[in-house]
């Protein structure tokens, strides 16, 4: 799979096209590892939140706010959504988080200690 990393686009904030590309990439990567690939949408239905998650029988929907946020924050929320939907324990979560970061932003380190759980 060929991926143009979001981190190499030269833009500070994430566009809807970049968001859609990241969503397709993350969903495909999760499914390739036998995990549930969540659906993604923007913005969250809840006002005043950067991200939210709705659990469903077929996985879940991760909603992320794009406006006024750096692309690294958006990517972190999307990756953490994959981890939470799949309810991965710490060792597996750390491995997957690193793999997904490397897929979307090669060379960019994931946030220290991982991202906070999606509300």
N, C-alpha and C. Protein backbone atom coordinates (compact mmCIF):
# COMPACT_ATOMS: atom_id res chain seq x y z
N UNK A 1 0.85 -1.16 0.00
CA UNK A 1 0.00 0.00 0.00
C UNK A 1 0.91 1.23 0.00
N UNK A 2 0.66 2.20 -0.89
CA UNK A 2 1.41 3.43 -0.94
C UNK A 2 0.64 4.51 -0.20
N UNK A 3 1.34 5.17 0.72
CA UNK A 3 0.70 6.18 1.54
C UNK A 3 1.53 7.45 1.49
N UNK A 4 0.90 8.59 1.24
CA UNK A 4 1.57 9.87 1.37
C UNK A 4 1.36 10.32 2.80
N UNK A 5 2.41 10.34 3.60
CA UNK A 5 2.25 10.69 5.01
C UNK A 5 1.68 12.08 5.20
N UNK A 6 0.75 12.21 6.14
CA UNK A 6 0.17 13.50 6.44
C UNK A 6 1.25 14.47 6.88
N UNK A 7 2.24 13.97 7.60
CA UNK A 7 3.30 14.82 8.13
C UNK A 7 4.14 15.44 7.02
N UNK A 8 4.09 14.90 5.81
CA UNK A 8 4.90 15.43 4.72
C UNK A 8 4.14 16.37 3.80
N UNK A 9 2.94 16.74 4.14
CA UNK A 9 2.16 17.60 3.28
C UNK A 9 2.50 19.07 3.44
N UNK A 10 3.25 19.41 4.50
CA UNK A 10 3.66 20.78 4.70
C UNK A 10 2.60 21.67 5.32
N UNK A 11 1.50 21.13 5.76
CA UNK A 11 0.42 21.92 6.35
C UNK A 11 0.33 21.63 7.83
N UNK A 12 0.01 22.65 8.59
CA UNK A 12 -0.11 22.47 10.04
C UNK A 12 -1.43 21.81 10.42
N UNK A 13 -2.51 22.19 9.78
CA UNK A 13 -3.80 21.62 10.14
C UNK A 13 -4.20 20.56 9.11
N UNK A 14 -5.13 19.72 9.50
CA UNK A 14 -5.55 18.61 8.66
C UNK A 14 -6.76 19.01 7.83
N UNK A 15 -6.69 18.77 6.52
CA UNK A 15 -7.83 19.03 5.65
C UNK A 15 -8.75 17.82 5.65
N UNK A 16 -9.94 17.99 5.14
CA UNK A 16 -10.87 16.86 5.08
C UNK A 16 -10.35 15.76 4.15
N UNK A 17 -9.62 16.14 3.12
CA UNK A 17 -9.05 15.14 2.21
C UNK A 17 -7.99 14.32 2.95
N UNK A 18 -7.14 14.98 3.72
CA UNK A 18 -6.13 14.27 4.51
C UNK A 18 -6.79 13.39 5.56
N UNK A 19 -7.85 13.90 6.17
CA UNK A 19 -8.59 13.12 7.17
C UNK A 19 -9.17 11.86 6.53
N UNK A 20 -9.78 11.99 5.37
CA UNK A 20 -10.37 10.83 4.69
C UNK A 20 -9.29 9.82 4.32
N UNK A 21 -8.16 10.31 3.85
CA UNK A 21 -7.04 9.43 3.50
C UNK A 21 -6.55 8.68 4.74
N UNK A 22 -6.38 9.38 5.84
CA UNK A 22 -5.93 8.76 7.09
C UNK A 22 -6.95 7.73 7.57
N UNK A 23 -8.23 8.07 7.47
CA UNK A 23 -9.29 7.15 7.91
C UNK A 23 -9.26 5.86 7.11
N UNK A 24 -9.15 5.96 5.80
CA UNK A 24 -9.08 4.76 4.95
C UNK A 24 -7.83 3.93 5.28
N UNK A 25 -6.71 4.61 5.48
CA UNK A 25 -5.46 3.93 5.79
C UNK A 25 -5.54 3.20 7.13
N UNK A 26 -6.06 3.87 8.16
CA UNK A 26 -6.16 3.25 9.48
C UNK A 26 -7.13 2.08 9.49
N UNK A 27 -8.25 2.23 8.83
CA UNK A 27 -9.24 1.16 8.77
C UNK A 27 -8.67 -0.05 8.06
N UNK A 28 -8.00 0.16 6.94
CA UNK A 28 -7.40 -0.94 6.19
C UNK A 28 -6.30 -1.62 7.00
N UNK A 29 -5.47 -0.84 7.69
CA UNK A 29 -4.39 -1.40 8.49
C UNK A 29 -4.94 -2.23 9.65
N UNK A 30 -5.98 -1.75 10.29
CA UNK A 30 -6.59 -2.50 11.39
C UNK A 30 -7.16 -3.82 10.88
N UNK A 31 -7.88 -3.77 9.79
CA UNK A 31 -8.48 -4.99 9.23
C UNK A 31 -7.41 -5.98 8.78
N UNK A 32 -6.30 -5.47 8.25
CA UNK A 32 -5.21 -6.35 7.80
C UNK A 32 -4.60 -7.12 8.96
N UNK A 33 -4.73 -6.59 10.17
CA UNK A 33 -4.20 -7.27 11.36
C UNK A 33 -5.28 -8.06 12.09
N UNK A 34 -6.44 -8.20 11.45
CA UNK A 34 -7.52 -8.98 12.06
C UNK A 34 -8.30 -8.21 13.11
N UNK A 35 -8.16 -6.90 13.14
CA UNK A 35 -8.86 -6.06 14.10
C UNK A 35 -10.06 -5.39 13.44
N UNK A 36 -10.89 -4.77 14.25
CA UNK A 36 -12.02 -4.01 13.74
C UNK A 36 -11.52 -2.66 13.26
N UNK A 37 -11.86 -2.31 12.05
CA UNK A 37 -11.53 -0.98 11.53
C UNK A 37 -12.72 -0.06 11.78
N UNK A 38 -12.58 0.90 12.71
CA UNK A 38 -13.72 1.76 13.01
C UNK A 38 -14.06 2.69 11.86
N UNK A 39 -15.23 3.25 11.91
CA UNK A 39 -15.61 4.32 10.99
C UNK A 39 -15.13 5.62 11.59
N UNK A 40 -14.85 6.60 10.74
CA UNK A 40 -14.40 7.91 11.20
C UNK A 40 -15.32 8.97 10.63
N UNK A 41 -15.51 10.04 11.41
CA UNK A 41 -16.30 11.17 10.93
C UNK A 41 -15.76 12.43 11.57
N UNK A 42 -16.14 13.55 11.02
CA UNK A 42 -15.80 14.84 11.62
C UNK A 42 -16.92 15.82 11.29
N UNK A 43 -17.19 16.73 12.16
CA UNK A 43 -16.71 16.86 13.54
C UNK A 43 -17.54 15.98 14.48
N UNK A 44 -17.14 15.91 15.76
CA UNK A 44 -17.96 15.15 16.72
C UNK A 44 -19.33 15.82 16.88
N UNK A 45 -20.33 15.03 17.18
CA UNK A 45 -21.68 15.59 17.40
C UNK A 45 -21.74 16.41 18.68
N UNK A 46 -20.92 16.04 19.66
CA UNK A 46 -20.90 16.77 20.93
C UNK A 46 -20.14 18.07 20.75
N UNK A 47 -20.73 19.16 21.17
CA UNK A 47 -20.05 20.45 21.06
C UNK A 47 -18.97 20.56 22.13
N UNK A 48 -17.87 21.20 21.75
CA UNK A 48 -16.82 21.48 22.70
C UNK A 48 -15.84 20.35 22.96
N UNK A 49 -15.94 19.24 22.24
CA UNK A 49 -14.99 18.15 22.42
C UNK A 49 -14.14 18.00 21.16
N UNK A 50 -12.91 17.54 21.34
CA UNK A 50 -12.03 17.30 20.19
C UNK A 50 -12.27 15.94 19.55
N UNK A 51 -12.74 15.00 20.36
CA UNK A 51 -12.98 13.65 19.84
C UNK A 51 -14.05 12.96 20.68
N UNK A 52 -14.72 12.01 20.05
CA UNK A 52 -15.69 11.19 20.76
C UNK A 52 -15.73 9.83 20.08
N UNK A 53 -16.32 8.87 20.78
CA UNK A 53 -16.42 7.52 20.24
C UNK A 53 -17.79 6.97 20.56
N UNK A 54 -18.45 6.41 19.57
CA UNK A 54 -19.73 5.72 19.77
C UNK A 54 -19.49 4.25 19.47
N UNK A 55 -19.76 3.42 20.44
CA UNK A 55 -19.60 1.97 20.23
C UNK A 55 -20.84 1.43 19.52
N UNK A 56 -20.60 0.50 18.61
CA UNK A 56 -21.68 -0.16 17.88
C UNK A 56 -21.37 -1.64 17.82
N UNK A 57 -22.35 -2.43 17.44
CA UNK A 57 -22.16 -3.88 17.36
C UNK A 57 -21.05 -4.24 16.37
N UNK A 58 -20.90 -3.46 15.32
CA UNK A 58 -19.88 -3.74 14.30
C UNK A 58 -18.56 -3.00 14.55
N UNK A 59 -18.37 -2.45 15.73
CA UNK A 59 -17.13 -1.73 16.04
C UNK A 59 -17.42 -0.41 16.72
N UNK A 60 -17.27 0.65 15.98
CA UNK A 60 -17.52 1.95 16.55
C UNK A 60 -17.28 3.05 15.54
N UNK A 61 -17.66 4.26 15.95
CA UNK A 61 -17.45 5.44 15.12
C UNK A 61 -16.61 6.42 15.93
N UNK A 62 -15.48 6.81 15.38
CA UNK A 62 -14.60 7.76 16.01
C UNK A 62 -14.82 9.10 15.32
N UNK A 63 -15.21 10.11 16.08
CA UNK A 63 -15.44 11.45 15.53
C UNK A 63 -14.35 12.38 16.04
N UNK A 64 -13.76 13.15 15.14
CA UNK A 64 -12.63 14.00 15.48
C UNK A 64 -12.85 15.40 14.92
N UNK A 65 -12.53 16.41 15.75
CA UNK A 65 -12.60 17.81 15.30
C UNK A 65 -11.30 18.13 14.56
N UNK A 66 -11.42 18.72 13.37
CA UNK A 66 -10.26 19.08 12.56
C UNK A 66 -9.87 20.54 12.71
N UNK A 67 -10.86 21.41 12.73
CA UNK A 67 -10.59 22.86 12.70
C UNK A 67 -9.76 23.34 13.88
N UNK A 68 -8.73 24.10 13.54
CA UNK A 68 -7.91 24.72 14.56
C UNK A 68 -7.02 23.78 15.33
N UNK A 69 -6.80 22.58 14.81
CA UNK A 69 -5.96 21.60 15.51
C UNK A 69 -4.82 21.17 14.61
N UNK A 70 -3.65 20.95 15.19
CA UNK A 70 -2.53 20.45 14.40
C UNK A 70 -2.80 19.03 13.92
N UNK A 71 -2.22 18.69 12.78
CA UNK A 71 -2.45 17.36 12.21
C UNK A 71 -2.00 16.26 13.16
N UNK A 72 -0.96 16.48 13.94
CA UNK A 72 -0.50 15.44 14.87
C UNK A 72 -1.56 15.12 15.92
N UNK A 73 -2.31 16.12 16.36
CA UNK A 73 -3.38 15.88 17.35
C UNK A 73 -4.52 15.08 16.72
N UNK A 74 -4.84 15.40 15.48
CA UNK A 74 -5.90 14.67 14.77
C UNK A 74 -5.49 13.22 14.56
N UNK A 75 -4.25 13.02 14.11
CA UNK A 75 -3.76 11.66 13.90
C UNK A 75 -3.77 10.87 15.20
N UNK A 76 -3.31 11.49 16.28
CA UNK A 76 -3.28 10.81 17.58
C UNK A 76 -4.68 10.37 18.00
N UNK A 77 -5.68 11.24 17.82
CA UNK A 77 -7.05 10.88 18.18
C UNK A 77 -7.58 9.74 17.32
N UNK A 78 -7.25 9.75 16.04
CA UNK A 78 -7.72 8.69 15.15
C UNK A 78 -7.08 7.35 15.51
N UNK A 79 -5.79 7.36 15.76
CA UNK A 79 -5.09 6.13 16.12
C UNK A 79 -5.61 5.60 17.45
N UNK A 80 -5.79 6.49 18.41
CA UNK A 80 -6.29 6.05 19.71
C UNK A 80 -7.70 5.48 19.57
N UNK A 81 -8.49 6.00 18.64
CA UNK A 81 -9.82 5.45 18.39
C UNK A 81 -9.76 4.00 17.95
N UNK A 82 -8.80 3.67 17.08
CA UNK A 82 -8.63 2.28 16.64
C UNK A 82 -8.31 1.39 17.85
N UNK A 83 -7.45 1.87 18.71
CA UNK A 83 -7.04 1.09 19.88
C UNK A 83 -8.20 0.89 20.84
N UNK A 84 -8.97 1.93 21.10
CA UNK A 84 -10.09 1.84 22.04
C UNK A 84 -11.21 0.96 21.48
N UNK A 85 -11.54 1.10 20.21
CA UNK A 85 -12.59 0.27 19.60
C UNK A 85 -12.23 -1.21 19.72
N UNK A 86 -10.95 -1.53 19.60
CA UNK A 86 -10.51 -2.91 19.68
C UNK A 86 -10.16 -3.35 21.10
N UNK A 87 -10.29 -2.43 22.06
CA UNK A 87 -10.05 -2.73 23.47
C UNK A 87 -8.73 -3.48 23.68
N UNK A 88 -7.66 -2.93 23.10
CA UNK A 88 -6.36 -3.58 23.17
C UNK A 88 -5.68 -3.34 24.51
N UNK A 89 -5.06 -4.37 25.08
CA UNK A 89 -4.31 -4.20 26.33
C UNK A 89 -2.99 -3.46 26.04
N UNK A 90 -2.35 -2.91 27.07
CA UNK A 90 -1.16 -2.08 26.88
C UNK A 90 -0.08 -2.60 25.94
N UNK A 91 0.43 -3.82 26.05
CA UNK A 91 1.52 -4.18 25.13
C UNK A 91 1.08 -4.16 23.67
N UNK A 92 -0.09 -4.70 23.39
CA UNK A 92 -0.59 -4.73 22.01
C UNK A 92 -0.95 -3.32 21.54
N UNK A 93 -1.49 -2.51 22.44
CA UNK A 93 -1.85 -1.13 22.09
C UNK A 93 -0.61 -0.32 21.72
N UNK A 94 0.44 -0.50 22.47
CA UNK A 94 1.69 0.23 22.20
C UNK A 94 2.27 -0.17 20.85
N UNK A 95 2.28 -1.46 20.57
CA UNK A 95 2.80 -1.93 19.28
C UNK A 95 1.97 -1.38 18.12
N UNK A 96 0.64 -1.48 18.24
CA UNK A 96 -0.21 -1.00 17.15
C UNK A 96 -0.10 0.51 17.00
N UNK A 97 -0.06 1.23 18.09
CA UNK A 97 0.06 2.69 18.04
C UNK A 97 1.32 3.09 17.27
N UNK A 98 2.42 2.42 17.58
CA UNK A 98 3.69 2.73 16.90
C UNK A 98 3.60 2.40 15.41
N UNK A 99 3.03 1.25 15.08
CA UNK A 99 2.89 0.86 13.67
C UNK A 99 2.02 1.84 12.89
N UNK A 100 0.92 2.27 13.49
CA UNK A 100 0.01 3.19 12.79
C UNK A 100 0.64 4.57 12.64
N UNK A 101 1.35 5.03 13.65
CA UNK A 101 2.07 6.32 13.53
C UNK A 101 3.08 6.23 12.40
N UNK A 102 3.81 5.14 12.34
CA UNK A 102 4.83 4.98 11.30
C UNK A 102 4.20 4.94 9.92
N UNK A 103 3.01 4.38 9.83
CA UNK A 103 2.29 4.32 8.56
C UNK A 103 1.84 5.70 8.09
N UNK A 104 1.31 6.51 9.01
CA UNK A 104 0.78 7.83 8.64
C UNK A 104 1.80 8.95 8.69
N UNK A 105 2.78 8.84 9.57
CA UNK A 105 3.77 9.90 9.72
C UNK A 105 5.14 9.28 9.98
N UNK A 106 5.75 8.71 8.94
CA UNK A 106 7.04 8.04 9.13
C UNK A 106 8.06 8.96 9.80
N UNK A 107 8.75 8.41 10.79
CA UNK A 107 9.77 9.17 11.49
C UNK A 107 9.24 10.02 12.62
N UNK A 108 7.94 10.22 12.68
CA UNK A 108 7.36 11.01 13.77
C UNK A 108 7.08 10.08 14.94
N UNK A 109 7.57 10.45 16.07
CA UNK A 109 7.35 9.61 17.26
C UNK A 109 5.94 9.81 17.79
N UNK A 110 5.29 8.75 18.29
CA UNK A 110 3.98 8.92 18.89
C UNK A 110 4.13 9.74 20.18
N UNK A 111 3.05 10.38 20.63
CA UNK A 111 3.12 11.15 21.85
C UNK A 111 3.63 10.29 23.01
N UNK A 112 4.41 10.88 23.89
CA UNK A 112 4.97 10.14 25.03
C UNK A 112 3.86 9.53 25.85
N UNK A 113 3.96 8.25 26.12
CA UNK A 113 2.97 7.57 26.95
C UNK A 113 1.67 7.29 26.24
N UNK A 114 1.59 7.56 24.95
CA UNK A 114 0.36 7.32 24.21
C UNK A 114 -0.65 8.43 24.42
N UNK A 115 -1.70 8.39 23.68
CA UNK A 115 -2.76 9.40 23.80
C UNK A 115 -3.76 8.98 24.88
N UNK A 116 -4.53 9.92 25.33
CA UNK A 116 -5.56 9.62 26.31
C UNK A 116 -6.67 8.80 25.67
N UNK A 117 -7.38 8.04 26.46
CA UNK A 117 -8.49 7.25 25.92
C UNK A 117 -9.57 8.14 25.35
N UNK A 118 -10.19 7.69 24.30
CA UNK A 118 -11.26 8.43 23.65
C UNK A 118 -12.49 8.38 24.53
N UNK A 119 -13.12 9.53 24.73
CA UNK A 119 -14.32 9.60 25.59
C UNK A 119 -15.54 9.10 24.84
